[in-house]
Amino acid sequence: MWKKVEPILKKRGITPHRLSLMMGDKNDSNVYALKNGKIKRPSFDLILRIAKALDVSLDVFR
């Protein structure tokens, strides 16, 4: 999943920390766990929040 998120972040100049803030998270743990491979199968809620924060379709993450 991170392989699909990372290029979007790089293209837009968004850091993982900023993504967390855009998602409304109080800390970075979900985003960094995803980035570091600690979350192998992210929940639908997490995927949805990332998609909304980045203003992209859920289809991007298929």
N, C-alpha and C. Protein backbone atom coordinates (compact mmCIF):
# COMPACT_ATOMS: atom_id res chain seq x y z
N MET A 1 0.83 -1.19 0.00
CA MET A 1 0.00 0.00 0.00
C MET A 1 0.87 1.25 0.00
N TRP A 2 1.94 1.25 0.80
CA TRP A 2 2.80 2.44 0.87
C TRP A 2 3.40 2.76 -0.49
N LYS A 3 3.64 1.73 -1.29
CA LYS A 3 4.22 1.94 -2.62
C LYS A 3 3.30 2.78 -3.50
N LYS A 4 2.03 2.80 -3.18
CA LYS A 4 1.08 3.61 -3.94
C LYS A 4 0.90 5.00 -3.33
N VAL A 5 1.12 5.11 -2.03
CA VAL A 5 0.97 6.40 -1.34
C VAL A 5 2.20 7.28 -1.55
N GLU A 6 3.37 6.68 -1.43
CA GLU A 6 4.62 7.44 -1.46
C GLU A 6 4.80 8.31 -2.71
N PRO A 7 4.55 7.79 -3.92
CA PRO A 7 4.72 8.65 -5.10
C PRO A 7 3.80 9.88 -5.09
N ILE A 8 2.60 9.71 -4.55
CA ILE A 8 1.67 10.84 -4.47
C ILE A 8 2.22 11.89 -3.52
N LEU A 9 2.74 11.43 -2.38
CA LEU A 9 3.32 12.36 -1.41
C LEU A 9 4.50 13.10 -2.01
N LYS A 10 5.39 12.37 -2.66
CA LYS A 10 6.58 13.00 -3.25
C LYS A 10 6.20 14.01 -4.32
N LYS A 11 5.25 13.65 -5.17
CA LYS A 11 4.83 14.54 -6.24
C LYS A 11 4.26 15.84 -5.69
N ARG A 12 3.58 15.75 -4.55
CA ARG A 12 2.93 16.92 -3.96
C ARG A 12 3.75 17.60 -2.87
N GLY A 13 4.91 17.02 -2.55
CA GLY A 13 5.76 17.61 -1.52
C GLY A 13 5.18 17.48 -0.12
N ILE A 14 4.49 16.38 0.13
CA ILE A 14 3.85 16.14 1.42
C ILE A 14 4.68 15.13 2.21
N THR A 15 4.98 15.44 3.44
CA THR A 15 5.71 14.52 4.31
C THR A 15 4.72 13.55 4.97
N PRO A 16 5.21 12.41 5.46
CA PRO A 16 4.32 11.51 6.20
C PRO A 16 3.67 12.22 7.40
N HIS A 17 4.43 13.07 8.08
CA HIS A 17 3.87 13.81 9.22
C HIS A 17 2.71 14.69 8.76
N ARG A 18 2.90 15.38 7.66
CA ARG A 18 1.83 16.26 7.15
C ARG A 18 0.62 15.45 6.73
N LEU A 19 0.84 14.29 6.14
CA LEU A 19 -0.28 13.42 5.78
C LEU A 19 -1.07 13.05 7.03
N SER A 20 -0.38 12.72 8.10
CA SER A 20 -1.06 12.40 9.36
C SER A 20 -1.95 13.56 9.81
N LEU A 21 -1.40 14.76 9.73
CA LEU A 21 -2.18 15.95 10.11
C LEU A 21 -3.38 16.13 9.19
N MET A 22 -3.18 15.92 7.90
CA MET A 22 -4.26 16.06 6.93
C MET A 22 -5.37 15.04 7.19
N MET A 23 -4.99 13.88 7.74
CA MET A 23 -5.95 12.83 8.05
C MET A 23 -6.66 13.09 9.36
N GLY A 24 -6.18 14.07 10.13
CA GLY A 24 -6.79 14.36 11.42
C GLY A 24 -6.25 13.52 12.55
N ASP A 25 -5.15 12.81 12.31
CA ASP A 25 -4.54 12.00 13.36
C ASP A 25 -3.78 12.88 14.33
N LYS A 26 -3.83 12.52 15.60
CA LYS A 26 -3.13 13.29 16.62
C LYS A 26 -1.64 12.92 16.67
N ASN A 27 -1.31 11.76 16.13
CA ASN A 27 0.11 11.38 16.05
C ASN A 27 0.36 10.69 14.71
N ASP A 28 1.60 10.38 14.47
CA ASP A 28 2.03 9.83 13.18
C ASP A 28 2.03 8.30 13.13
N SER A 29 1.59 7.64 14.19
CA SER A 29 1.82 6.20 14.30
C SER A 29 1.24 5.39 13.14
N ASN A 30 0.03 5.69 12.71
CA ASN A 30 -0.56 4.91 11.60
C ASN A 30 0.21 5.08 10.31
N VAL A 31 0.55 6.30 9.98
CA VAL A 31 1.25 6.56 8.72
C VAL A 31 2.64 5.94 8.75
N TYR A 32 3.37 6.12 9.85
CA TYR A 32 4.72 5.55 9.92
C TYR A 32 4.69 4.03 10.01
N ALA A 33 3.67 3.46 10.66
CA ALA A 33 3.54 2.00 10.70
C ALA A 33 3.30 1.46 9.30
N LEU A 34 2.50 2.17 8.53
CA LEU A 34 2.26 1.79 7.14
C LEU A 34 3.54 1.92 6.32
N LYS A 35 4.23 3.04 6.51
CA LYS A 35 5.47 3.30 5.77
C LYS A 35 6.54 2.25 6.08
N ASN A 36 6.64 1.86 7.35
CA ASN A 36 7.68 0.93 7.78
C ASN A 36 7.28 -0.54 7.63
N GLY A 37 6.12 -0.79 7.03
CA GLY A 37 5.70 -2.17 6.79
C GLY A 37 5.13 -2.88 7.99
N LYS A 38 4.84 -2.16 9.05
CA LYS A 38 4.27 -2.79 10.25
C LYS A 38 2.78 -3.06 10.08
N ILE A 39 2.15 -2.33 9.18
CA ILE A 39 0.75 -2.60 8.84
C ILE A 39 0.78 -3.23 7.45
N LYS A 40 0.55 -4.53 7.41
CA LYS A 40 0.59 -5.26 6.14
C LYS A 40 -0.72 -5.13 5.38
N ARG A 41 -1.82 -5.16 6.12
CA ARG A 41 -3.15 -5.07 5.51
C ARG A 41 -3.92 -3.95 6.20
N PRO A 42 -3.80 -2.74 5.70
CA PRO A 42 -4.46 -1.61 6.34
C PRO A 42 -5.98 -1.76 6.32
N SER A 43 -6.61 -1.23 7.36
CA SER A 43 -8.06 -1.28 7.44
C SER A 43 -8.68 -0.39 6.36
N PHE A 44 -9.93 -0.68 6.04
CA PHE A 44 -10.63 0.15 5.06
C PHE A 44 -10.69 1.58 5.56
N ASP A 45 -10.90 1.77 6.86
CA ASP A 45 -10.97 3.12 7.43
C ASP A 45 -9.67 3.88 7.19
N LEU A 46 -8.53 3.24 7.39
CA LEU A 46 -7.25 3.90 7.17
C LEU A 46 -7.07 4.27 5.69
N ILE A 47 -7.40 3.34 4.81
CA ILE A 47 -7.29 3.61 3.38
C ILE A 47 -8.21 4.76 2.98
N LEU A 48 -9.42 4.75 3.50
CA LEU A 48 -10.38 5.81 3.18
C LEU A 48 -9.89 7.17 3.67
N ARG A 49 -9.34 7.22 4.89
CA ARG A 49 -8.84 8.49 5.43
C ARG A 49 -7.65 9.01 4.62
N ILE A 50 -6.79 8.12 4.16
CA ILE A 50 -5.66 8.53 3.32
C ILE A 50 -6.18 9.07 1.99
N ALA A 51 -7.11 8.35 1.39
CA ALA A 51 -7.68 8.79 0.10
C ALA A 51 -8.34 10.16 0.23
N LYS A 52 -9.10 10.35 1.29
CA LYS A 52 -9.77 11.64 1.50
C LYS A 52 -8.74 12.75 1.72
N ALA A 53 -7.73 12.47 2.53
CA ALA A 53 -6.70 13.48 2.82
C ALA A 53 -5.96 13.89 1.55
N LEU A 54 -5.73 12.94 0.66
CA LEU A 54 -4.99 13.22 -0.57
C LEU A 54 -5.92 13.60 -1.72
N ASP A 55 -7.22 13.54 -1.47
CA ASP A 55 -8.22 13.86 -2.49
C ASP A 55 -8.03 13.01 -3.74
N VAL A 56 -7.92 11.69 -3.51
CA VAL A 56 -7.80 10.74 -4.62
C VAL A 56 -8.88 9.68 -4.47
N SER A 57 -9.17 9.01 -5.56
CA SER A 57 -10.14 7.93 -5.57
C SER A 57 -9.57 6.71 -4.84
N LEU A 58 -10.46 5.92 -4.24
CA LEU A 58 -10.03 4.67 -3.62
C LEU A 58 -9.41 3.73 -4.65
N ASP A 59 -9.79 3.89 -5.91
CA ASP A 59 -9.25 3.05 -6.98
C ASP A 59 -7.73 3.15 -7.09
N VAL A 60 -7.17 4.25 -6.65
CA VAL A 60 -5.72 4.44 -6.68
C VAL A 60 -5.02 3.35 -5.87
N PHE A 61 -5.68 2.85 -4.85
CA PHE A 61 -5.05 1.91 -3.93
C PHE A 61 -5.40 0.45 -4.20
N ARG A 62 -5.97 0.17 -5.36
CA ARG A 62 -6.28 -1.23 -5.71
C ARG A 62 -5.05 -1.98 -6.09
